[in-house]
Amino acid sequence: MLSNAAVPLALDLTTAKITSWAIIAVLVLIALGVLFVVRAVLTKVISVVLIFIFASAIYIQRDNLAACPKTCECTFFGIHLKIPDAQLADKCTVAVTG
């Protein structure tokens, strides 16, 4: 698990959403490249399935970020994210601390 020191300071909710879409787009391009470049059918199938699994995991994590403002728990693959909206962050702090 990553320590807090290893997490970039610029990683917040908005950055995670944008980055996840960019990663999914790159994975789709890689999958298309594999389909056109690789000749062996079994290698194509295995590669595309693995890429699909990675893209699905990222999509699911990105989808979970939509619940972040409601639950005040923002994580992306176990990394805690900052809430970019100061008012929302203050409301979450008040709600969590009681």
PDB file of N, CA and C in Angstrom:
ATOM      1  N   MET A   1       0.841  -1.176   0.000  1.00  0.00           N
ATOM      2  CA  MET A   1       0.000   0.000   0.000  1.00  0.00           C
ATOM      3  C   MET A   1       0.881   1.232   0.000  1.00  0.00           C
ATOM      4  N   LEU A   2       0.422   2.260  -0.680  1.00  0.00           N
ATOM      5  CA  LEU A   2       1.187   3.488  -0.771  1.00  0.00           C
ATOM      6  C   LEU A   2       1.034   4.303   0.493  1.00  0.00           C
ATOM      7  N   SER A   3       2.127   4.894   0.931  1.00  0.00           N
ATOM      8  CA  SER A   3       2.036   5.796   2.068  1.00  0.00           C
ATOM      9  C   SER A   3       1.578   7.155   1.570  1.00  0.00           C
ATOM     10  N   ASN A   4       1.172   8.009   2.479  1.00  0.00           N
ATOM     11  CA  ASN A   4       0.708   9.337   2.084  1.00  0.00           C
ATOM     12  C   ASN A   4       1.816  10.151   1.440  1.00  0.00           C
ATOM     13  N   ALA A   5       3.073   9.875   1.789  1.00  0.00           N
ATOM     14  CA  ALA A   5       4.191  10.614   1.209  1.00  0.00           C
ATOM     15  C   ALA A   5       4.373  10.294  -0.266  1.00  0.00           C
ATOM     16  N   ALA A   6       3.938   9.111  -0.703  1.00  0.00           N
ATOM     17  CA  ALA A   6       4.112   8.717  -2.101  1.00  0.00           C
ATOM     18  C   ALA A   6       3.012   9.241  -3.006  1.00  0.00           C
ATOM     19  N   VAL A   7       1.935   9.779  -2.431  1.00  0.00           N
ATOM     20  CA  VAL A   7       0.808  10.261  -3.217  1.00  0.00           C
ATOM     21  C   VAL A   7       1.101  11.690  -3.669  1.00  0.00           C
ATOM     22  N   PRO A   8       0.945  11.974  -4.970  1.00  0.00           N
ATOM     23  CA  PRO A   8       1.171  13.342  -5.443  1.00  0.00           C
ATOM     24  C   PRO A   8       0.209  14.319  -4.792  1.00  0.00           C
ATOM     25  N   LEU A   9       0.675  15.527  -4.515  1.00  0.00           N
ATOM     26  CA  LEU A   9      -0.160  16.519  -3.850  1.00  0.00           C
ATOM     27  C   LEU A   9      -1.301  16.991  -4.743  1.00  0.00           C
ATOM     28  N   ALA A  10      -1.142  16.906  -6.058  1.00  0.00           N
ATOM     29  CA  ALA A  10      -2.160  17.397  -6.982  1.00  0.00           C
ATOM     30  C   ALA A  10      -3.285  16.396  -7.213  1.00  0.00           C
ATOM     31  N   LEU A  11      -3.255  15.258  -6.558  1.00  0.00           N
ATOM     32  CA  LEU A  11      -4.275  14.235  -6.783  1.00  0.00           C
ATOM     33  C   LEU A  11      -5.522  14.569  -5.981  1.00  0.00           C
ATOM     34  N   ASP A  12      -6.528  15.047  -6.694  1.00  0.00           N
ATOM     35  CA  ASP A  12      -7.806  15.330  -6.061  1.00  0.00           C
ATOM     36  C   ASP A  12      -8.901  14.636  -6.859  1.00  0.00           C
ATOM     37  N   LEU A  13     -10.133  14.874  -6.499  1.00  0.00           N
ATOM     38  CA  LEU A  13     -11.260  14.185  -7.116  1.00  0.00           C
ATOM     39  C   LEU A  13     -11.349  14.456  -8.615  1.00  0.00           C
ATOM     40  N   THR A  14     -11.228  15.709  -9.010  1.00  0.00           N
ATOM     41  CA  THR A  14     -11.331  16.071 -10.422  1.00  0.00           C
ATOM     42  C   THR A  14     -10.188  15.467 -11.232  1.00  0.00           C
ATOM     43  N   THR A  15      -8.988  15.535 -10.704  1.00  0.00           N
ATOM     44  CA  THR A  15      -7.828  14.968 -11.392  1.00  0.00           C
ATOM     45  C   THR A  15      -7.979  13.467 -11.578  1.00  0.00           C
ATOM     46  N   ALA A  16      -8.495  12.788 -10.573  1.00  0.00           N
ATOM     47  CA  ALA A  16      -8.685  11.338 -10.668  1.00  0.00           C
ATOM     48  C   ALA A  16      -9.709  10.986 -11.741  1.00  0.00           C
ATOM     49  N   LYS A  17     -10.789  11.760 -11.846  1.00  0.00           N
ATOM     50  CA  LYS A  17     -11.800  11.492 -12.871  1.00  0.00           C
ATOM     51  C   LYS A  17     -11.236  11.686 -14.273  1.00  0.00           C
ATOM     52  N   ILE A  18     -10.532  12.781 -14.481  1.00  0.00           N
ATOM     53  CA  ILE A  18      -9.962  13.068 -15.799  1.00  0.00           C
ATOM     54  C   ILE A  18      -8.888  12.048 -16.152  1.00  0.00           C
ATOM     55  N   THR A  19      -8.028  11.730 -15.202  1.00  0.00           N
ATOM     56  CA  THR A  19      -6.960  10.764 -15.439  1.00  0.00           C
ATOM     57  C   THR A  19      -7.520   9.384 -15.751  1.00  0.00           C
ATOM     58  N   SER A  20      -8.580   8.998 -15.059  1.00  0.00           N
ATOM     59  CA  SER A  20      -9.155   7.673 -15.312  1.00  0.00           C
ATOM     60  C   SER A  20      -9.705   7.584 -16.729  1.00  0.00           C
ATOM     61  N   TRP A  21     -10.365   8.640 -17.213  1.00  0.00           N
ATOM     62  CA  TRP A  21     -10.857   8.622 -18.598  1.00  0.00           C
ATOM     63  C   TRP A  21      -9.704   8.556 -19.587  1.00  0.00           C
ATOM     64  N   ALA A  22      -8.627   9.280 -19.300  1.00  0.00           N
ATOM     65  CA  ALA A  22      -7.466   9.255 -20.195  1.00  0.00           C
ATOM     66  C   ALA A  22      -6.842   7.861 -20.240  1.00  0.00           C
ATOM     67  N   ILE A  23      -6.747   7.205 -19.094  1.00  0.00           N
ATOM     68  CA  ILE A  23      -6.174   5.861 -19.042  1.00  0.00           C
ATOM     69  C   ILE A  23      -7.059   4.875 -19.807  1.00  0.00           C
ATOM     70  N   ILE A  24      -8.364   4.999 -19.644  1.00  0.00           N
ATOM     71  CA  ILE A  24      -9.285   4.117 -20.373  1.00  0.00           C
ATOM     72  C   ILE A  24      -9.134   4.324 -21.878  1.00  0.00           C
ATOM     73  N   ALA A  25      -9.017   5.576 -22.313  1.00  0.00           N
ATOM     74  CA  ALA A  25      -8.838   5.854 -23.743  1.00  0.00           C
ATOM     75  C   ALA A  25      -7.540   5.249 -24.267  1.00  0.00           C
ATOM     76  N   VAL A  26      -6.468   5.359 -23.501  1.00  0.00           N
ATOM     77  CA  VAL A  26      -5.190   4.766 -23.908  1.00  0.00           C
ATOM     78  C   VAL A  26      -5.303   3.247 -23.983  1.00  0.00           C
ATOM     79  N   LEU A  27      -5.993   2.643 -23.030  1.00  0.00           N
ATOM     80  CA  LEU A  27      -6.164   1.188 -23.047  1.00  0.00           C
ATOM     81  C   LEU A  27      -6.976   0.738 -24.261  1.00  0.00           C
ATOM     82  N   VAL A  28      -7.974   1.506 -24.647  1.00  0.00           N
ATOM     83  CA  VAL A  28      -8.749   1.169 -25.847  1.00  0.00           C
ATOM     84  C   VAL A  28      -7.850   1.247 -27.084  1.00  0.00           C
ATOM     85  N   LEU A  29      -7.022   2.276 -27.165  1.00  0.00           N
ATOM     86  CA  LEU A  29      -6.096   2.395 -28.296  1.00  0.00           C
ATOM     87  C   LEU A  29      -5.098   1.243 -28.327  1.00  0.00           C
ATOM     88  N   ILE A  30      -4.617   0.844 -27.167  1.00  0.00           N
ATOM     89  CA  ILE A  30      -3.688  -0.297 -27.100  1.00  0.00           C
ATOM     90  C   ILE A  30      -4.390  -1.566 -27.556  1.00  0.00           C
ATOM     91  N   ALA A  31      -5.639  -1.758 -27.121  1.00  0.00           N
ATOM     92  CA  ALA A  31      -6.389  -2.947 -27.533  1.00  0.00           C
ATOM     93  C   ALA A  31      -6.582  -2.972 -29.043  1.00  0.00           C
ATOM     94  N   LEU A  32      -6.902  -1.829 -29.626  1.00  0.00           N
ATOM     95  CA  LEU A  32      -7.047  -1.766 -31.083  1.00  0.00           C
ATOM     96  C   LEU A  32      -5.717  -2.050 -31.779  1.00  0.00           C
ATOM     97  N   GLY A  33      -4.642  -1.535 -31.212  1.00  0.00           N
ATOM     98  CA  GLY A  33      -3.325  -1.815 -31.771  1.00  0.00           C
ATOM     99  C   GLY A  33      -2.986  -3.289 -31.714  1.00  0.00           C
ATOM    100  N   VAL A  34      -3.310  -3.919 -30.609  1.00  0.00           N
ATOM    101  CA  VAL A  34      -3.057  -5.363 -30.467  1.00  0.00           C
ATOM    102  C   VAL A  34      -3.845  -6.137 -31.516  1.00  0.00           C
ATOM    103  N   LEU A  35      -5.086  -5.738 -31.734  1.00  0.00           N
ATOM    104  CA  LEU A  35      -5.918  -6.443 -32.714  1.00  0.00           C
ATOM    105  C   LEU A  35      -5.334  -6.361 -34.120  1.00  0.00           C
ATOM    106  N   PHE A  36      -4.719  -5.243 -34.459  1.00  0.00           N
ATOM    107  CA  PHE A  36      -4.179  -5.075 -35.810  1.00  0.00           C
ATOM    108  C   PHE A  36      -2.753  -5.591 -35.967  1.00  0.00           C
ATOM    109  N   VAL A  37      -1.951  -5.559 -34.905  1.00  0.00           N
ATOM    110  CA  VAL A  37      -0.530  -5.896 -35.013  1.00  0.00           C
ATOM    111  C   VAL A  37      -0.249  -7.371 -34.734  1.00  0.00           C
ATOM    112  N   VAL A  38      -0.866  -7.905 -33.698  1.00  0.00           N
ATOM    113  CA  VAL A  38      -0.579  -9.274 -33.283  1.00  0.00           C
ATOM    114  C   VAL A  38      -1.258 -10.247 -34.239  1.00  0.00           C
ATOM    115  N   ARG A  39      -0.521 -11.265 -34.651  1.00  0.00           N
ATOM    116  CA  ARG A  39      -1.059 -12.226 -35.614  1.00  0.00           C
ATOM    117  C   ARG A  39      -1.668 -13.463 -34.956  1.00  0.00           C
ATOM    118  N   ALA A  40      -1.121 -13.891 -33.849  1.00  0.00           N
ATOM    119  CA  ALA A  40      -1.617 -15.105 -33.197  1.00  0.00           C
ATOM    120  C   ALA A  40      -2.953 -14.818 -32.510  1.00  0.00           C
ATOM    121  N   VAL A  41      -3.936 -15.626 -32.808  1.00  0.00           N
ATOM    122  CA  VAL A  41      -5.288 -15.408 -32.304  1.00  0.00           C
ATOM    123  C   VAL A  41      -5.338 -15.523 -30.786  1.00  0.00           C
ATOM    124  N   LEU A  42      -4.687 -16.518 -30.228  1.00  0.00           N
ATOM    125  CA  LEU A  42      -4.705 -16.709 -28.777  1.00  0.00           C
ATOM    126  C   LEU A  42      -4.067 -15.517 -28.063  1.00  0.00           C
ATOM    127  N   THR A  43      -2.982 -15.013 -28.595  1.00  0.00           N
ATOM    128  CA  THR A  43      -2.322 -13.845 -27.999  1.00  0.00           C
ATOM    129  C   THR A  43      -3.228 -12.619 -28.085  1.00  0.00           C
ATOM    130  N   LYS A  44      -3.927 -12.461 -29.193  1.00  0.00           N
ATOM    131  CA  LYS A  44      -4.881 -11.360 -29.332  1.00  0.00           C
ATOM    132  C   LYS A  44      -5.962 -11.443 -28.266  1.00  0.00           C
ATOM    133  N   VAL A  45      -6.530 -12.624 -28.131  1.00  0.00           N
ATOM    134  CA  VAL A  45      -7.638 -12.803 -27.185  1.00  0.00           C
ATOM    135  C   VAL A  45      -7.175 -12.534 -25.752  1.00  0.00           C
ATOM    136  N   ILE A  46      -6.050 -13.106 -25.370  1.00  0.00           N
ATOM    137  CA  ILE A  46      -5.542 -12.920 -24.006  1.00  0.00           C
ATOM    138  C   ILE A  46      -5.223 -11.449 -23.752  1.00  0.00           C
ATOM    139  N   SER A  47      -4.580 -10.801 -24.702  1.00  0.00           N
ATOM    140  CA  SER A  47      -4.220  -9.394 -24.534  1.00  0.00           C
ATOM    141  C   SER A  47      -5.447  -8.503 -24.416  1.00  0.00           C
ATOM    142  N   VAL A  48      -6.406  -8.708 -25.283  1.00  0.00           N
ATOM    143  CA  VAL A  48      -7.607  -7.870 -25.259  1.00  0.00           C
ATOM    144  C   VAL A  48      -8.409  -8.123 -23.986  1.00  0.00           C
ATOM    145  N   VAL A  49      -8.484  -9.346 -23.536  1.00  0.00           N
ATOM    146  CA  VAL A  49      -9.207  -9.648 -22.290  1.00  0.00           C
ATOM    147  C   VAL A  49      -8.522  -8.977 -21.097  1.00  0.00           C
ATOM    148  N   LEU A  50      -7.209  -9.042 -21.022  1.00  0.00           N
ATOM    149  CA  LEU A  50      -6.489  -8.380 -19.924  1.00  0.00           C
ATOM    150  C   LEU A  50      -6.681  -6.867 -19.965  1.00  0.00           C
ATOM    151  N   ILE A  51      -6.609  -6.293 -21.144  1.00  0.00           N
ATOM    152  CA  ILE A  51      -6.819  -4.850 -21.282  1.00  0.00           C
ATOM    153  C   ILE A  51      -8.244  -4.485 -20.876  1.00  0.00           C
ATOM    154  N   PHE A  52      -9.213  -5.306 -21.261  1.00  0.00           N
ATOM    155  CA  PHE A  52     -10.604  -5.072 -20.881  1.00  0.00           C
ATOM    156  C   PHE A  52     -10.775  -5.130 -19.363  1.00  0.00           C
ATOM    157  N   ILE A  53     -10.108  -6.059 -18.717  1.00  0.00           N
ATOM    158  CA  ILE A  53     -10.184  -6.172 -17.256  1.00  0.00           C
ATOM    159  C   ILE A  53      -9.619  -4.918 -16.595  1.00  0.00           C
ATOM    160  N   PHE A  54      -8.454  -4.446 -17.063  1.00  0.00           N
ATOM    161  CA  PHE A  54      -7.860  -3.233 -16.502  1.00  0.00           C
ATOM    162  C   PHE A  54      -8.773  -2.028 -16.712  1.00  0.00           C
ATOM    163  N   ALA A  55      -9.311  -1.880 -17.927  1.00  0.00           N
ATOM    164  CA  ALA A  55     -10.192  -0.748 -18.224  1.00  0.00           C
ATOM    165  C   ALA A  55     -11.467  -0.818 -17.378  1.00  0.00           C
ATOM    166  N   SER A  56     -12.003  -2.013 -17.175  1.00  0.00           N
ATOM    167  CA  SER A  56     -13.212  -2.170 -16.354  1.00  0.00           C
ATOM    168  C   SER A  56     -12.939  -1.788 -14.901  1.00  0.00           C
ATOM    169  N   ALA A  57     -11.797  -2.194 -14.384  1.00  0.00           N
ATOM    170  CA  ALA A  57     -11.443  -1.849 -13.003  1.00  0.00           C
ATOM    171  C   ALA A  57     -11.330  -0.339 -12.837  1.00  0.00           C
ATOM    172  N   ILE A  58     -10.721   0.321 -13.800  1.00  0.00           N
ATOM    173  CA  ILE A  58     -10.591   1.777 -13.736  1.00  0.00           C
ATOM    174  C   ILE A  58     -11.961   2.428 -13.848  1.00  0.00           C
ATOM    175  N   TYR A  59     -12.815   1.918 -14.731  1.00  0.00           N
ATOM    176  CA  TYR A  59     -14.157   2.477 -14.891  1.00  0.00           C
ATOM    177  C   TYR A  59     -14.967   2.323 -13.604  1.00  0.00           C
ATOM    178  N   ILE A  60     -14.866   1.178 -12.971  1.00  0.00           N
ATOM    179  CA  ILE A  60     -15.604   0.948 -11.726  1.00  0.00           C
ATOM    180  C   ILE A  60     -15.117   1.905 -10.636  1.00  0.00           C
ATOM    181  N   GLN A  61     -13.795   2.078 -10.538  1.00  0.00           N
ATOM    182  CA  GLN A  61     -13.264   3.009  -9.551  1.00  0.00           C
ATOM    183  C   GLN A  61     -13.712   4.438  -9.848  1.00  0.00           C
ATOM    184  N   ARG A  62     -13.717   4.805 -11.131  1.00  0.00           N
ATOM    185  CA  ARG A  62     -14.153   6.141 -11.525  1.00  0.00           C
ATOM    186  C   ARG A  62     -15.622   6.331 -11.199  1.00  0.00           C
ATOM    187  N   ASP A  63     -16.407   5.301 -11.421  1.00  0.00           N
ATOM    188  CA  ASP A  63     -17.827   5.360 -11.123  1.00  0.00           C
ATOM    189  C   ASP A  63     -18.067   5.518  -9.624  1.00  0.00           C
ATOM    190  N   ASN A  64     -17.221   4.908  -8.813  1.00  0.00           N
ATOM    191  CA  ASN A  64     -17.347   5.038  -7.358  1.00  0.00           C
ATOM    192  C   ASN A  64     -17.060   6.459  -6.882  1.00  0.00           C
ATOM    193  N   LEU A  65     -16.333   7.233  -7.677  1.00  0.00           N
ATOM    194  CA  LEU A  65     -16.041   8.615  -7.300  1.00  0.00           C
ATOM    195  C   LEU A  65     -17.299   9.477  -7.312  1.00  0.00           C
ATOM    196  N   ALA A  66     -18.332   9.051  -8.029  1.00  0.00           N
ATOM    197  CA  ALA A  66     -19.579   9.812  -8.070  1.00  0.00           C
ATOM    198  C   ALA A  66     -20.248   9.854  -6.697  1.00  0.00           C
ATOM    199  N   ALA A  67     -20.034   8.833  -5.886  1.00  0.00           N
ATOM    200  CA  ALA A  67     -20.630   8.787  -4.548  1.00  0.00           C
ATOM    201  C   ALA A  67     -19.802   9.545  -3.521  1.00  0.00           C
ATOM    202  N   CYS A  68     -18.667  10.019  -3.908  1.00  0.00           N
ATOM    203  CA  CYS A  68     -17.753  10.682  -2.984  1.00  0.00           C
ATOM    204  C   CYS A  68     -18.385  11.864  -2.248  1.00  0.00           C
ATOM    205  N   PRO A  69     -19.052  12.802  -2.918  1.00  0.00           N
ATOM    206  CA  PRO A  69     -19.635  13.929  -2.174  1.00  0.00           C
ATOM    207  C   PRO A  69     -20.713  13.505  -1.174  1.00  0.00           C
ATOM    208  N   LYS A  70     -21.359  12.385  -1.403  1.00  0.00           N
ATOM    209  CA  LYS A  70     -22.417  11.928  -0.500  1.00  0.00           C
ATOM    210  C   LYS A  70     -21.846  11.225   0.722  1.00  0.00           C
ATOM    211  N   THR A  71     -20.758  10.483   0.533  1.00  0.00           N
ATOM    212  CA  THR A  71     -20.204   9.688   1.622  1.00  0.00           C
ATOM    213  C   THR A  71     -19.006  10.336   2.299  1.00  0.00           C
ATOM    214  N   CYS A  72     -18.419  11.338   1.678  1.00  0.00           N
ATOM    215  CA  CYS A  72     -17.224  12.034   2.173  1.00  0.00           C
ATOM    216  C   CYS A  72     -16.012  11.104   2.240  1.00  0.00           C
ATOM    217  N   GLU A  73     -16.075   9.967   1.607  1.00  0.00           N
ATOM    218  CA  GLU A  73     -14.961   9.029   1.524  1.00  0.00           C
ATOM    219  C   GLU A  73     -14.522   8.945   0.073  1.00  0.00           C
ATOM    220  N   CYS A  74     -13.443   9.606  -0.262  1.00  0.00           N
ATOM    221  CA  CYS A  74     -12.963   9.630  -1.639  1.00  0.00           C
ATOM    222  C   CYS A  74     -11.691   8.814  -1.750  1.00  0.00           C
ATOM    223  N   THR A  75     -11.796   7.660  -2.390  1.00  0.00           N
ATOM    224  CA  THR A  75     -10.615   6.836  -2.621  1.00  0.00           C
ATOM    225  C   THR A  75     -10.603   6.390  -4.075  1.00  0.00           C
ATOM    226  N   PHE A  76      -9.402   6.224  -4.607  1.00  0.00           N
ATOM    227  CA  PHE A  76      -9.211   5.727  -5.966  1.00  0.00           C
ATOM    228  C   PHE A  76      -8.132   4.670  -5.877  1.00  0.00           C
ATOM    229  N   PHE A  77      -8.516   3.400  -5.974  1.00  0.00           N
ATOM    230  CA  PHE A  77      -7.622   2.259  -5.768  1.00  0.00           C
ATOM    231  C   PHE A  77      -6.918   2.346  -4.421  1.00  0.00           C
ATOM    232  N   GLY A  78      -7.643   2.749  -3.394  1.00  0.00           N
ATOM    233  CA  GLY A  78      -7.117   2.790  -2.040  1.00  0.00           C
ATOM    234  C   GLY A  78      -6.384   4.066  -1.680  1.00  0.00           C
ATOM    235  N   ILE A  79      -6.214   4.977  -2.615  1.00  0.00           N
ATOM    236  CA  ILE A  79      -5.535   6.239  -2.338  1.00  0.00           C
ATOM    237  C   ILE A  79      -6.601   7.267  -1.979  1.00  0.00           C
ATOM    238  N   HIS A  80      -6.456   7.899  -0.826  1.00  0.00           N
ATOM    239  CA  HIS A  80      -7.415   8.911  -0.404  1.00  0.00           C
ATOM    240  C   HIS A  80      -7.208  10.179  -1.222  1.00  0.00           C
ATOM    241  N   LEU A  81      -8.322  10.719  -1.721  1.00  0.00           N
ATOM    242  CA  LEU A  81      -8.284  11.914  -2.558  1.00  0.00           C
ATOM    243  C   LEU A  81      -8.804  13.114  -1.797  1.00  0.00           C
ATOM    244  N   LYS A  82      -8.320  14.287  -2.191  1.00  0.00           N
ATOM    245  CA  LYS A  82      -8.811  15.531  -1.611  1.00  0.00           C
ATOM    246  C   LYS A  82     -10.073  15.959  -2.353  1.00  0.00           C
ATOM    247  N   ILE A  83     -10.993  16.546  -1.641  1.00  0.00           N
ATOM    248  CA  ILE A  83     -12.194  17.092  -2.253  1.00  0.00           C
ATOM    249  C   ILE A  83     -11.857  18.517  -2.681  1.00  0.00           C
ATOM    250  N   PRO A  84     -11.983  18.840  -3.988  1.00  0.00           N
ATOM    251  CA  PRO A  84     -11.528  20.146  -4.462  1.00  0.00           C
ATOM    252  C   PRO A  84     -12.398  21.317  -4.013  1.00  0.00           C
ATOM    253  N   ASP A  85     -13.675  21.087  -3.777  1.00  0.00           N
ATOM    254  CA  ASP A  85     -14.585  22.148  -3.358  1.00  0.00           C
ATOM    255  C   ASP A  85     -14.414  22.389  -1.857  1.00  0.00           C
ATOM    256  N   ALA A  86     -13.996  23.591  -1.475  1.00  0.00           N
ATOM    257  CA  ALA A  86     -13.706  23.890  -0.070  1.00  0.00           C
ATOM    258  C   ALA A  86     -14.953  23.799   0.796  1.00  0.00           C
ATOM    259  N   GLN A  87     -16.091  24.277   0.291  1.00  0.00           N
ATOM    260  CA  GLN A  87     -17.323  24.221   1.080  1.00  0.00           C
ATOM    261  C   GLN A  87     -17.751  22.781   1.334  1.00  0.00           C
ATOM    262  N   LEU A  88     -17.643  21.943   0.308  1.00  0.00           N
ATOM    263  CA  LEU A  88     -18.006  20.539   0.465  1.00  0.00           C
ATOM    264  C   LEU A  88     -17.042  19.849   1.425  1.00  0.00           C
ATOM    265  N   ALA A  89     -15.775  20.175   1.313  1.00  0.00           N
ATOM    266  CA  ALA A  89     -14.779  19.585   2.216  1.00  0.00           C
ATOM    267  C   ALA A  89     -15.065  19.983   3.662  1.00  0.00           C
ATOM    268  N   ASP A  90     -15.462  21.244   3.889  1.00  0.00           N
ATOM    269  CA  ASP A  90     -15.798  21.693   5.243  1.00  0.00           C
ATOM    270  C   ASP A  90     -17.041  20.971   5.768  1.00  0.00           C
ATOM    271  N   LYS A  91     -18.049  20.792   4.911  1.00  0.00           N
ATOM    272  CA  LYS A  91     -19.261  20.068   5.316  1.00  0.00           C
ATOM    273  C   LYS A  91     -18.931  18.630   5.685  1.00  0.00           C
ATOM    274  N   CYS A  92     -18.047  18.006   4.909  1.00  0.00           N
ATOM    275  CA  CYS A  92     -17.650  16.630   5.209  1.00  0.00           C
ATOM    276  C   CYS A  92     -16.913  16.564   6.538  1.00  0.00           C
ATOM    277  N   THR A  93     -16.036  17.516   6.779  1.00  0.00           N
ATOM    278  CA  THR A  93     -15.283  17.544   8.041  1.00  0.00           C
ATOM    279  C   THR A  93     -16.239  17.680   9.211  1.00  0.00           C
ATOM    280  N   VAL A  94     -17.226  18.553   9.101  1.00  0.00           N
ATOM    281  CA  VAL A  94     -18.205  18.753  10.169  1.00  0.00           C
ATOM    282  C   VAL A  94     -19.042  17.493  10.357  1.00  0.00           C
ATOM    283  N   ALA A  95     -19.464  16.869   9.249  1.00  0.00           N
ATOM    284  CA  ALA A  95     -20.305  15.672   9.338  1.00  0.00           C
ATOM    285  C   ALA A  95     -19.554  14.502   9.941  1.00  0.00           C
ATOM    286  N   VAL A  96     -18.268  14.381   9.604  1.00  0.00           N
ATOM    287  CA  VAL A  96     -17.490  13.242  10.113  1.00  0.00           C
ATOM    288  C   VAL A  96     -17.131  13.435  11.597  1.00  0.00           C
ATOM    289  N   THR A  97     -16.743  14.660  11.967  1.00  0.00           N
ATOM    290  CA  THR A  97     -16.325  14.902  13.344  1.00  0.00           C
ATOM    291  C   THR A  97     -17.511  15.082  14.283  1.00  0.00           C
ATOM    292  N   GLY A  98     -18.684  15.355  13.714  1.00  0.00           N
ATOM    293  CA  GLY A  98     -19.899  15.449  14.513  1.00  0.00           C
ATOM    294  C   GLY A  98     -20.061  16.804  15.072  1.00  0.00           C
TER     295      GLY A  98
END
